[in-house]
Amino acid sequence: MHRIQLQLHTDHHHLQLLLDCLSLEIDCYDFDSKRPADLSIMLSAIEYINEYADKWHHPTEDIIFDRLLEKDIPESKLIKQLKNEHKDIIIETDKINQIFEMVAEDCIIPADKLISGVRHFISLQRTHIEKENEFVYPLMEKLFTKKEWKEIAVDVKIQNDPLFSKPSKKEYEQLYRYIMNLKNEKQTETITTPKENY
Protein backbone atom coordinates (compact mmCIF):
# COMPACT_ATOMS: atom_id res chain seq x y z
CA MET A 1 0.00 0.00 0.00
CA HIS A 2 1.38 3.40 -0.98
CA ARG A 3 2.20 5.84 1.82
CA ILE A 4 -0.49 8.32 0.73
CA GLN A 5 -3.09 5.56 0.57
CA LEU A 6 -2.10 4.34 4.03
CA GLN A 7 -2.36 7.84 5.47
CA LEU A 8 -5.85 8.31 4.01
CA HIS A 9 -6.99 4.99 5.53
CA THR A 10 -5.49 5.99 8.88
CA ASP A 11 -7.16 9.39 8.68
CA HIS A 12 -10.56 7.72 8.33
CA HIS A 13 -9.96 5.67 11.45
CA HIS A 14 -8.86 8.76 13.37
CA LEU A 15 -11.78 10.84 12.12
CA GLN A 16 -14.17 8.15 13.35
CA LEU A 17 -12.58 8.42 16.81
CA LEU A 18 -12.94 12.18 16.66
CA LEU A 19 -16.60 11.91 15.66
CA ASP A 20 -17.17 9.58 18.65
CA CYS A 21 -15.72 12.31 20.85
CA LEU A 22 -17.95 15.01 19.30
CA SER A 23 -20.99 12.77 19.62
CA LEU A 24 -20.34 12.15 23.29
CA GLU A 25 -19.84 15.84 24.03
CA ILE A 26 -22.86 17.11 22.07
CA ASP A 27 -25.04 14.67 24.04
CA CYS A 28 -24.06 16.68 27.13
CA TYR A 29 -26.19 19.56 25.83
CA ASP A 30 -29.33 17.43 26.26
CA PHE A 31 -31.46 18.57 29.20
CA ASP A 32 -31.05 15.25 31.04
CA SER A 33 -27.25 15.10 30.73
CA LYS A 34 -25.34 14.11 33.87
CA ARG A 35 -22.47 16.51 33.14
CA PRO A 36 -21.76 19.73 31.22
CA ALA A 37 -20.15 19.55 27.79
CA ASP A 38 -16.43 20.21 27.50
CA LEU A 39 -16.42 23.20 25.16
CA SER A 40 -12.62 23.27 24.81
CA ILE A 41 -12.66 19.68 23.51
CA MET A 42 -15.34 20.48 20.96
CA LEU A 43 -13.58 23.65 19.77
CA SER A 44 -10.31 21.72 19.43
CA ALA A 45 -12.01 18.89 17.49
CA ILE A 46 -13.65 21.29 15.03
CA GLU A 47 -10.38 23.20 14.61
CA TYR A 48 -8.58 19.94 13.80
CA ILE A 49 -11.19 18.97 11.19
CA ASN A 50 -10.93 22.44 9.67
CA GLU A 51 -7.13 22.56 9.70
CA TYR A 52 -6.28 18.98 8.73
CA ALA A 53 -9.22 17.05 7.25
CA ASP A 54 -10.56 19.93 5.17
CA LYS A 55 -7.16 21.31 4.14
CA TRP A 56 -5.17 18.11 3.49
CA HIS A 57 -7.26 14.94 3.61
CA HIS A 58 -10.14 16.00 1.34
CA PRO A 59 -8.00 17.90 -1.21
CA THR A 60 -5.74 14.82 -1.45
CA GLU A 61 -8.77 12.61 -2.06
CA ASP A 62 -9.94 15.04 -4.75
CA ILE A 63 -6.63 14.63 -6.62
CA ILE A 64 -6.95 10.85 -6.42
CA PHE A 65 -10.64 10.89 -7.34
CA ASP A 66 -9.83 12.94 -10.45
CA ARG A 67 -7.34 10.24 -11.47
CA LEU A 68 -10.00 7.57 -10.95
CA LEU A 69 -12.48 9.56 -13.07
CA GLU A 70 -10.00 9.49 -15.96
CA LYS A 71 -10.45 5.70 -16.01
CA ASP A 72 -14.15 5.94 -16.94
CA ILE A 73 -15.30 3.41 -14.35
CA PRO A 74 -18.87 2.46 -13.31
CA GLU A 75 -18.35 4.23 -9.96
CA SER A 76 -17.73 7.60 -11.66
CA LYS A 77 -21.09 9.05 -10.60
CA LEU A 78 -20.46 8.17 -6.95
CA ILE A 79 -16.94 9.58 -7.07
CA LYS A 80 -18.26 12.89 -8.43
CA GLN A 81 -20.88 12.90 -5.67
CA LEU A 82 -18.20 12.34 -3.01
CA LYS A 83 -16.11 15.19 -4.43
CA ASN A 84 -19.14 17.48 -4.12
CA GLU A 85 -19.67 16.25 -0.56
CA HIS A 86 -16.18 17.48 0.29
CA LYS A 87 -17.39 21.01 -0.49
CA ASP A 88 -20.54 20.44 1.60
CA ILE A 89 -18.47 19.15 4.52
CA ILE A 90 -16.20 22.22 4.44
CA ILE A 91 -19.27 24.48 4.52
CA GLU A 92 -20.75 22.50 7.43
CA THR A 93 -17.43 22.61 9.32
CA ASP A 94 -17.41 26.40 8.96
CA LYS A 95 -21.01 26.63 10.20
CA ILE A 96 -20.29 24.47 13.26
CA ASN A 97 -17.08 26.37 13.94
CA GLN A 98 -18.95 29.70 13.90
CA ILE A 99 -21.63 28.37 16.25
CA PHE A 100 -19.06 27.14 18.77
CA GLU A 101 -17.10 30.37 18.59
CA MET A 102 -20.34 32.15 19.50
CA VAL A 103 -20.88 29.73 22.40
CA ALA A 104 -17.31 30.40 23.56
CA GLU A 105 -18.08 34.14 23.54
CA ASP A 106 -21.16 33.49 25.75
CA CYS A 107 -23.66 34.24 22.98
CA ILE A 108 -27.01 32.57 23.51
CA ILE A 109 -27.50 29.70 21.07
CA PRO A 110 -30.63 27.54 21.38
CA ALA A 111 -29.59 24.06 22.55
CA ASP A 112 -31.73 22.33 19.91
CA LYS A 113 -30.01 24.31 17.13
CA LEU A 114 -26.59 23.39 18.51
CA ILE A 115 -27.44 19.72 19.00
CA SER A 116 -29.15 19.24 15.63
CA GLY A 117 -26.37 21.10 13.80
CA VAL A 118 -23.59 19.00 15.29
CA ARG A 119 -25.48 15.71 14.92
CA HIS A 120 -26.15 16.51 11.26
CA PHE A 121 -22.44 17.25 10.81
CA ILE A 122 -21.44 13.97 12.48
CA SER A 123 -23.92 11.99 10.36
CA LEU A 124 -22.72 13.66 7.16
CA GLN A 125 -19.10 12.86 7.99
CA ARG A 126 -19.79 9.23 8.99
CA THR A 127 -21.87 8.46 5.91
CA HIS A 128 -19.26 10.06 3.67
CA ILE A 129 -16.40 8.06 5.22
CA GLU A 130 -18.38 4.81 5.00
CA LYS A 131 -19.09 5.31 1.27
CA GLU A 132 -15.45 6.04 0.56
CA ASN A 133 -14.27 3.03 2.57
CA GLU A 134 -16.73 0.66 0.95
CA PHE A 135 -16.80 1.79 -2.67
CA VAL A 136 -13.85 4.03 -3.54
CA TYR A 137 -10.85 3.14 -1.42
CA PRO A 138 -10.81 -0.46 -2.74
CA LEU A 139 -10.61 1.01 -6.26
CA MET A 140 -7.37 2.79 -5.36
CA GLU A 141 -5.85 -0.55 -4.41
CA LYS A 142 -7.23 -2.29 -7.47
CA LEU A 143 -6.75 0.25 -10.26
CA PHE A 144 -3.60 2.27 -9.54
CA THR A 145 -0.18 0.98 -10.50
CA LYS A 146 3.02 1.84 -8.60
CA LYS A 147 3.83 4.26 -11.43
CA GLU A 148 0.49 6.03 -10.99
CA TRP A 149 1.02 6.35 -7.22
CA LYS A 150 4.39 7.96 -7.93
CA GLU A 151 2.65 10.43 -10.25
CA ILE A 152 0.01 11.15 -7.61
CA ALA A 153 2.78 11.71 -5.05
CA VAL A 154 4.13 14.54 -7.22
CA ASP A 155 0.83 16.40 -6.73
CA VAL A 156 0.37 15.51 -3.06
CA LYS A 157 2.62 16.84 -0.34
CA ILE A 158 2.51 14.47 2.66
CA GLN A 159 1.53 16.32 5.81
CA ASN A 160 1.94 15.09 9.36
CA ASP A 161 -1.32 14.68 11.24
CA PRO A 162 -1.16 17.45 13.88
CA LEU A 163 -3.33 15.52 16.34
CA PHE A 164 -2.33 11.86 15.99
CA SER A 165 1.32 12.12 14.94
CA LYS A 166 3.77 11.61 17.80
CA PRO A 167 4.19 13.94 19.48
CA SER A 168 0.98 15.75 18.59
CA LYS A 169 1.02 19.54 18.46
CA LYS A 170 0.71 21.12 21.90
CA GLU A 171 -2.66 22.71 21.12
CA TYR A 172 -4.12 19.23 20.59
CA GLU A 173 -2.64 17.47 23.63
CA GLN A 174 -5.85 17.67 25.68
CA LEU A 175 -7.98 16.44 22.75
CA TYR A 176 -5.54 13.59 22.06
CA ARG A 177 -5.68 12.42 25.70
CA TYR A 178 -9.49 12.66 25.65
CA ILE A 179 -9.75 10.53 22.49
CA MET A 180 -7.28 7.91 23.73
CA ASN A 181 -9.12 7.63 27.07
CA LEU A 182 -12.43 7.23 25.21
CA LYS A 183 -10.91 4.58 22.94
CA ASN A 184 -9.50 2.67 25.94
CA GLU A 185 -12.86 2.83 27.74
CA LYS A 186 -14.63 1.39 24.69
CA GLN A 187 -12.09 -1.43 24.39
CA THR A 188 -12.51 -2.23 28.09
CA GLU A 189 -16.31 -2.30 27.72
CA THR A 190 -16.01 -4.66 24.74
CA ILE A 191 -13.77 -7.04 26.68
CA THR A 192 -15.82 -7.01 29.92
CA THR A 193 -19.31 -7.12 28.40
CA PRO A 194 -20.48 -10.78 28.56
CA LYS A 195 -22.00 -12.27 25.45
CA GLU A 196 -25.71 -13.01 25.64
CA ASN A 197 -26.77 -16.63 25.51
CA TYR A 198 -29.32 -17.53 22.91
C-alpha atoms as a PDB file:
ATOM      1  CA  MET A   1       0.000   0.000   0.000  1.00  0.00           C
ATOM      2  CA  HIS A   2       1.382   3.400  -0.976  1.00  0.00           C
ATOM      3  CA  ARG A   3       2.197   5.839   1.821  1.00  0.00           C
ATOM      4  CA  ILE A   4      -0.494   8.324   0.727  1.00  0.00           C
ATOM      5  CA  GLN A   5      -3.091   5.564   0.568  1.00  0.00           C
ATOM      6  CA  LEU A   6      -2.095   4.342   4.027  1.00  0.00           C
ATOM      7  CA  GLN A   7      -2.364   7.841   5.468  1.00  0.00           C
ATOM      8  CA  LEU A   8      -5.854   8.305   4.013  1.00  0.00           C
ATOM      9  CA  HIS A   9      -6.991   4.994   5.527  1.00  0.00           C
ATOM     10  CA  THR A  10      -5.487   5.987   8.878  1.00  0.00           C
ATOM     11  CA  ASP A  11      -7.163   9.389   8.681  1.00  0.00           C
ATOM     12  CA  HIS A  12     -10.558   7.719   8.334  1.00  0.00           C
ATOM     13  CA  HIS A  13      -9.963   5.669  11.450  1.00  0.00           C
ATOM     14  CA  HIS A  14      -8.858   8.757  13.365  1.00  0.00           C
ATOM     15  CA  LEU A  15     -11.781  10.836  12.118  1.00  0.00           C
ATOM     16  CA  GLN A  16     -14.174   8.151  13.353  1.00  0.00           C
ATOM     17  CA  LEU A  17     -12.579   8.415  16.812  1.00  0.00           C
ATOM     18  CA  LEU A  18     -12.938  12.185  16.661  1.00  0.00           C
ATOM     19  CA  LEU A  19     -16.603  11.909  15.665  1.00  0.00           C
ATOM     20  CA  ASP A  20     -17.169   9.577  18.648  1.00  0.00           C
ATOM     21  CA  CYS A  21     -15.724  12.310  20.851  1.00  0.00           C
ATOM     22  CA  LEU A  22     -17.953  15.014  19.297  1.00  0.00           C
ATOM     23  CA  SER A  23     -20.994  12.775  19.615  1.00  0.00           C
ATOM     24  CA  LEU A  24     -20.338  12.155  23.294  1.00  0.00           C
ATOM     25  CA  GLU A  25     -19.845  15.841  24.028  1.00  0.00           C
ATOM     26  CA  ILE A  26     -22.861  17.110  22.072  1.00  0.00           C
ATOM     27  CA  ASP A  27     -25.043  14.665  24.045  1.00  0.00           C
ATOM     28  CA  CYS A  28     -24.065  16.677  27.127  1.00  0.00           C
ATOM     29  CA  TYR A  29     -26.190  19.563  25.831  1.00  0.00           C
ATOM     30  CA  ASP A  30     -29.325  17.427  26.261  1.00  0.00           C
ATOM     31  CA  PHE A  31     -31.463  18.571  29.201  1.00  0.00           C
ATOM     32  CA  ASP A  32     -31.054  15.252  31.042  1.00  0.00           C
ATOM     33  CA  SER A  33     -27.247  15.097  30.731  1.00  0.00           C
ATOM     34  CA  LYS A  34     -25.342  14.114  33.870  1.00  0.00           C
ATOM     35  CA  ARG A  35     -22.469  16.509  33.141  1.00  0.00           C
ATOM     36  CA  PRO A  36     -21.756  19.728  31.221  1.00  0.00           C
ATOM     37  CA  ALA A  37     -20.154  19.546  27.795  1.00  0.00           C
ATOM     38  CA  ASP A  38     -16.434  20.207  27.497  1.00  0.00           C
ATOM     39  CA  LEU A  39     -16.419  23.203  25.158  1.00  0.00           C
ATOM     40  CA  SER A  40     -12.624  23.270  24.807  1.00  0.00           C
ATOM     41  CA  ILE A  41     -12.657  19.680  23.515  1.00  0.00           C
ATOM     42  CA  MET A  42     -15.338  20.481  20.958  1.00  0.00           C
ATOM     43  CA  LEU A  43     -13.583  23.645  19.772  1.00  0.00           C
ATOM     44  CA  SER A  44     -10.314  21.723  19.426  1.00  0.00           C
ATOM     45  CA  ALA A  45     -12.011  18.895  17.494  1.00  0.00           C
ATOM     46  CA  ILE A  46     -13.650  21.290  15.033  1.00  0.00           C
ATOM     47  CA  GLU A  47     -10.382  23.205  14.606  1.00  0.00           C
ATOM     48  CA  TYR A  48      -8.576  19.941  13.799  1.00  0.00           C
ATOM     49  CA  ILE A  49     -11.186  18.969  11.190  1.00  0.00           C
ATOM     50  CA  ASN A  50     -10.931  22.435   9.668  1.00  0.00           C
ATOM     51  CA  GLU A  51      -7.127  22.557   9.702  1.00  0.00           C
ATOM     52  CA  TYR A  52      -6.278  18.976   8.725  1.00  0.00           C
ATOM     53  CA  ALA A  53      -9.216  17.050   7.251  1.00  0.00           C
ATOM     54  CA  ASP A  54     -10.563  19.931   5.166  1.00  0.00           C
ATOM     55  CA  LYS A  55      -7.165  21.308   4.141  1.00  0.00           C
ATOM     56  CA  TRP A  56      -5.168  18.110   3.487  1.00  0.00           C
ATOM     57  CA  HIS A  57      -7.264  14.937   3.606  1.00  0.00           C
ATOM     58  CA  HIS A  58     -10.143  15.996   1.340  1.00  0.00           C
ATOM     59  CA  PRO A  59      -7.995  17.895  -1.213  1.00  0.00           C
ATOM     60  CA  THR A  60      -5.742  14.818  -1.452  1.00  0.00           C
ATOM     61  CA  GLU A  61      -8.765  12.608  -2.062  1.00  0.00           C
ATOM     62  CA  ASP A  62      -9.938  15.041  -4.750  1.00  0.00           C
ATOM     63  CA  ILE A  63      -6.629  14.635  -6.623  1.00  0.00           C
ATOM     64  CA  ILE A  64      -6.948  10.851  -6.419  1.00  0.00           C
ATOM     65  CA  PHE A  65     -10.645  10.891  -7.341  1.00  0.00           C
ATOM     66  CA  ASP A  66      -9.831  12.943 -10.453  1.00  0.00           C
ATOM     67  CA  ARG A  67      -7.344  10.244 -11.471  1.00  0.00           C
ATOM     68  CA  LEU A  68      -9.997   7.575 -10.947  1.00  0.00           C
ATOM     69  CA  LEU A  69     -12.482   9.556 -13.068  1.00  0.00           C
ATOM     70  CA  GLU A  70      -9.997   9.489 -15.959  1.00  0.00           C
ATOM     71  CA  LYS A  71     -10.451   5.705 -16.014  1.00  0.00           C
ATOM     72  CA  ASP A  72     -14.155   5.940 -16.945  1.00  0.00           C
ATOM     73  CA  ILE A  73     -15.296   3.406 -14.349  1.00  0.00           C
ATOM     74  CA  PRO A  74     -18.870   2.456 -13.312  1.00  0.00           C
ATOM     75  CA  GLU A  75     -18.348   4.230  -9.956  1.00  0.00           C
ATOM     76  CA  SER A  76     -17.732   7.602 -11.658  1.00  0.00           C
ATOM     77  CA  LYS A  77     -21.088   9.051 -10.600  1.00  0.00           C
ATOM     78  CA  LEU A  78     -20.460   8.165  -6.949  1.00  0.00           C
ATOM     79  CA  ILE A  79     -16.937   9.582  -7.067  1.00  0.00           C
ATOM     80  CA  LYS A  80     -18.258  12.891  -8.425  1.00  0.00           C
ATOM     81  CA  GLN A  81     -20.878  12.903  -5.670  1.00  0.00           C
ATOM     82  CA  LEU A  82     -18.205  12.337  -3.008  1.00  0.00           C
ATOM     83  CA  LYS A  83     -16.115  15.191  -4.434  1.00  0.00           C
ATOM     84  CA  ASN A  84     -19.142  17.477  -4.121  1.00  0.00           C
ATOM     85  CA  GLU A  85     -19.670  16.247  -0.561  1.00  0.00           C
ATOM     86  CA  HIS A  86     -16.175  17.482   0.289  1.00  0.00           C
ATOM     87  CA  LYS A  87     -17.394  21.006  -0.487  1.00  0.00           C
ATOM     88  CA  ASP A  88     -20.539  20.444   1.603  1.00  0.00           C
ATOM     89  CA  ILE A  89     -18.470  19.150   4.522  1.00  0.00           C
ATOM     90  CA  ILE A  90     -16.204  22.217   4.444  1.00  0.00           C
ATOM     91  CA  ILE A  91     -19.274  24.482   4.517  1.00  0.00           C
ATOM     92  CA  GLU A  92     -20.750  22.497   7.433  1.00  0.00           C
ATOM     93  CA  THR A  93     -17.434  22.611   9.317  1.00  0.00           C
ATOM     94  CA  ASP A  94     -17.406  26.403   8.958  1.00  0.00           C
ATOM     95  CA  LYS A  95     -21.008  26.626  10.202  1.00  0.00           C
ATOM     96  CA  ILE A  96     -20.287  24.467  13.261  1.00  0.00           C
ATOM     97  CA  ASN A  97     -17.084  26.375  13.943  1.00  0.00           C
ATOM     98  CA  GLN A  98     -18.945  29.699  13.904  1.00  0.00           C
ATOM     99  CA  ILE A  99     -21.633  28.366  16.254  1.00  0.00           C
ATOM    100  CA  PHE A 100     -19.058  27.139  18.773  1.00  0.00           C
ATOM    101  CA  GLU A 101     -17.103  30.374  18.591  1.00  0.00           C
ATOM    102  CA  MET A 102     -20.339  32.154  19.500  1.00  0.00           C
ATOM    103  CA  VAL A 103     -20.881  29.727  22.396  1.00  0.00           C
ATOM    104  CA  ALA A 104     -17.312  30.398  23.562  1.00  0.00           C
ATOM    105  CA  GLU A 105     -18.082  34.136  23.543  1.00  0.00           C
ATOM    106  CA  ASP A 106     -21.156  33.487  25.750  1.00  0.00           C
ATOM    107  CA  CYS A 107     -23.657  34.237  22.979  1.00  0.00           C
ATOM    108  CA  ILE A 108     -27.010  32.568  23.511  1.00  0.00           C
ATOM    109  CA  ILE A 109     -27.496  29.699  21.068  1.00  0.00           C
ATOM    110  CA  PRO A 110     -30.629  27.540  21.378  1.00  0.00           C
ATOM    111  CA  ALA A 111     -29.585  24.061  22.546  1.00  0.00           C
ATOM    112  CA  ASP A 112     -31.733  22.328  19.913  1.00  0.00           C
ATOM    113  CA  LYS A 113     -30.009  24.306  17.127  1.00  0.00           C
ATOM    114  CA  LEU A 114     -26.592  23.392  18.507  1.00  0.00           C
ATOM    115  CA  ILE A 115     -27.443  19.720  19.001  1.00  0.00           C
ATOM    116  CA  SER A 116     -29.152  19.244  15.630  1.00  0.00           C
ATOM    117  CA  GLY A 117     -26.374  21.100  13.801  1.00  0.00           C
ATOM    118  CA  VAL A 118     -23.585  18.995  15.291  1.00  0.00           C
ATOM    119  CA  ARG A 119     -25.483  15.710  14.924  1.00  0.00           C
ATOM    120  CA  HIS A 120     -26.145  16.512  11.258  1.00  0.00           C
ATOM    121  CA  PHE A 121     -22.442  17.255  10.809  1.00  0.00           C
ATOM    122  CA  ILE A 122     -21.441  13.967  12.475  1.00  0.00           C
ATOM    123  CA  SER A 123     -23.922  11.991  10.364  1.00  0.00           C
ATOM    124  CA  LEU A 124     -22.721  13.663   7.158  1.00  0.00           C
ATOM    125  CA  GLN A 125     -19.099  12.857   7.993  1.00  0.00           C
ATOM    126  CA  ARG A 126     -19.788   9.234   8.993  1.00  0.00           C
ATOM    127  CA  THR A 127     -21.873   8.463   5.905  1.00  0.00           C
ATOM    128  CA  HIS A 128     -19.255  10.059   3.670  1.00  0.00           C
ATOM    129  CA  ILE A 129     -16.399   8.061   5.217  1.00  0.00           C
ATOM    130  CA  GLU A 130     -18.383   4.806   4.996  1.00  0.00           C
ATOM    131  CA  LYS A 131     -19.092   5.311   1.274  1.00  0.00           C
ATOM    132  CA  GLU A 132     -15.447   6.042   0.562  1.00  0.00           C
ATOM    133  CA  ASN A 133     -14.267   3.030   2.571  1.00  0.00           C
ATOM    134  CA  GLU A 134     -16.733   0.660   0.951  1.00  0.00           C
ATOM    135  CA  PHE A 135     -16.799   1.788  -2.673  1.00  0.00           C
ATOM    136  CA  VAL A 136     -13.855   4.035  -3.543  1.00  0.00           C
ATOM    137  CA  TYR A 137     -10.854   3.137  -1.417  1.00  0.00           C
ATOM    138  CA  PRO A 138     -10.814  -0.455  -2.737  1.00  0.00           C
ATOM    139  CA  LEU A 139     -10.612   1.006  -6.256  1.00  0.00           C
ATOM    140  CA  MET A 140      -7.371   2.792  -5.359  1.00  0.00           C
ATOM    141  CA  GLU A 141      -5.853  -0.554  -4.411  1.00  0.00           C
ATOM    142  CA  LYS A 142      -7.229  -2.293  -7.473  1.00  0.00           C
ATOM    143  CA  LEU A 143      -6.754   0.247 -10.264  1.00  0.00           C
ATOM    144  CA  PHE A 144      -3.604   2.272  -9.542  1.00  0.00           C
ATOM    145  CA  THR A 145      -0.182   0.983 -10.504  1.00  0.00           C
ATOM    146  CA  LYS A 146       3.017   1.843  -8.599  1.00  0.00           C
ATOM    147  CA  LYS A 147       3.833   4.261 -11.428  1.00  0.00           C
ATOM    148  CA  GLU A 148       0.489   6.033 -10.989  1.00  0.00           C
ATOM    149  CA  TRP A 149       1.018   6.350  -7.223  1.00  0.00           C
ATOM    150  CA  LYS A 150       4.391   7.961  -7.931  1.00  0.00           C
ATOM    151  CA  GLU A 151       2.654  10.426 -10.251  1.00  0.00           C
ATOM    152  CA  ILE A 152       0.014  11.149  -7.609  1.00  0.00           C
ATOM    153  CA  ALA A 153       2.778  11.713  -5.048  1.00  0.00           C
ATOM    154  CA  VAL A 154       4.129  14.538  -7.215  1.00  0.00           C
ATOM    155  CA  ASP A 155       0.828  16.396  -6.732  1.00  0.00           C
ATOM    156  CA  VAL A 156       0.369  15.506  -3.061  1.00  0.00           C
ATOM    157  CA  LYS A 157       2.621  16.838  -0.337  1.00  0.00           C
ATOM    158  CA  ILE A 158       2.507  14.474   2.656  1.00  0.00           C
ATOM    159  CA  GLN A 159       1.528  16.319   5.809  1.00  0.00           C
ATOM    160  CA  ASN A 160       1.944  15.090   9.363  1.00  0.00           C
ATOM    161  CA  ASP A 161      -1.320  14.683  11.237  1.00  0.00           C
ATOM    162  CA  PRO A 162      -1.155  17.452  13.884  1.00  0.00           C
ATOM    163  CA  LEU A 163      -3.333  15.516  16.339  1.00  0.00           C
ATOM    164  CA  PHE A 164      -2.327  11.861  15.991  1.00  0.00           C
ATOM    165  CA  SER A 165       1.316  12.124  14.939  1.00  0.00           C
ATOM    166  CA  LYS A 166       3.765  11.607  17.803  1.00  0.00           C
ATOM    167  CA  PRO A 167       4.186  13.941  19.481  1.00  0.00           C
ATOM    168  CA  SER A 168       0.977  15.752  18.593  1.00  0.00           C
ATOM    169  CA  LYS A 169       1.016  19.541  18.459  1.00  0.00           C
ATOM    170  CA  LYS A 170       0.713  21.115  21.902  1.00  0.00           C
ATOM    171  CA  GLU A 171      -2.664  22.711  21.122  1.00  0.00           C
ATOM    172  CA  TYR A 172      -4.121  19.229  20.587  1.00  0.00           C
ATOM    173  CA  GLU A 173      -2.639  17.472  23.632  1.00  0.00           C
ATOM    174  CA  GLN A 174      -5.855  17.669  25.676  1.00  0.00           C
ATOM    175  CA  LEU A 175      -7.978  16.444  22.752  1.00  0.00           C
ATOM    176  CA  TYR A 176      -5.544  13.594  22.063  1.00  0.00           C
ATOM    177  CA  ARG A 177      -5.677  12.420  25.699  1.00  0.00           C
ATOM    178  CA  TYR A 178      -9.488  12.658  25.650  1.00  0.00           C
ATOM    179  CA  ILE A 179      -9.751  10.526  22.490  1.00  0.00           C
ATOM    180  CA  MET A 180      -7.280   7.913  23.730  1.00  0.00           C
ATOM    181  CA  ASN A 181      -9.123   7.633  27.069  1.00  0.00           C
ATOM    182  CA  LEU A 182     -12.427   7.232  25.213  1.00  0.00           C
ATOM    183  CA  LYS A 183     -10.908   4.579  22.945  1.00  0.00           C
ATOM    184  CA  ASN A 184      -9.501   2.669  25.936  1.00  0.00           C
ATOM    185  CA  GLU A 185     -12.858   2.827  27.740  1.00  0.00           C
ATOM    186  CA  LYS A 186     -14.628   1.391  24.687  1.00  0.00           C
ATOM    187  CA  GLN A 187     -12.087  -1.427  24.393  1.00  0.00           C
ATOM    188  CA  THR A 188     -12.507  -2.234  28.092  1.00  0.00           C
ATOM    189  CA  GLU A 189     -16.306  -2.301  27.722  1.00  0.00           C
ATOM    190  CA  THR A 190     -16.005  -4.656  24.742  1.00  0.00           C
ATOM    191  CA  ILE A 191     -13.770  -7.036  26.685  1.00  0.00           C
ATOM    192  CA  THR A 192     -15.819  -7.007  29.918  1.00  0.00           C
ATOM    193  CA  THR A 193     -19.312  -7.121  28.395  1.00  0.00           C
ATOM    194  CA  PRO A 194     -20.476 -10.780  28.562  1.00  0.00           C
ATOM    195  CA  LYS A 195     -22.002 -12.271  25.447  1.00  0.00           C
ATOM    196  CA  GLU A 196     -25.709 -13.014  25.635  1.00  0.00           C
ATOM    197  CA  ASN A 197     -26.767 -16.627  25.513  1.00  0.00           C
ATOM    198  CA  TYR A 198     -29.325 -17.529  22.913  1.00  0.00           C
END
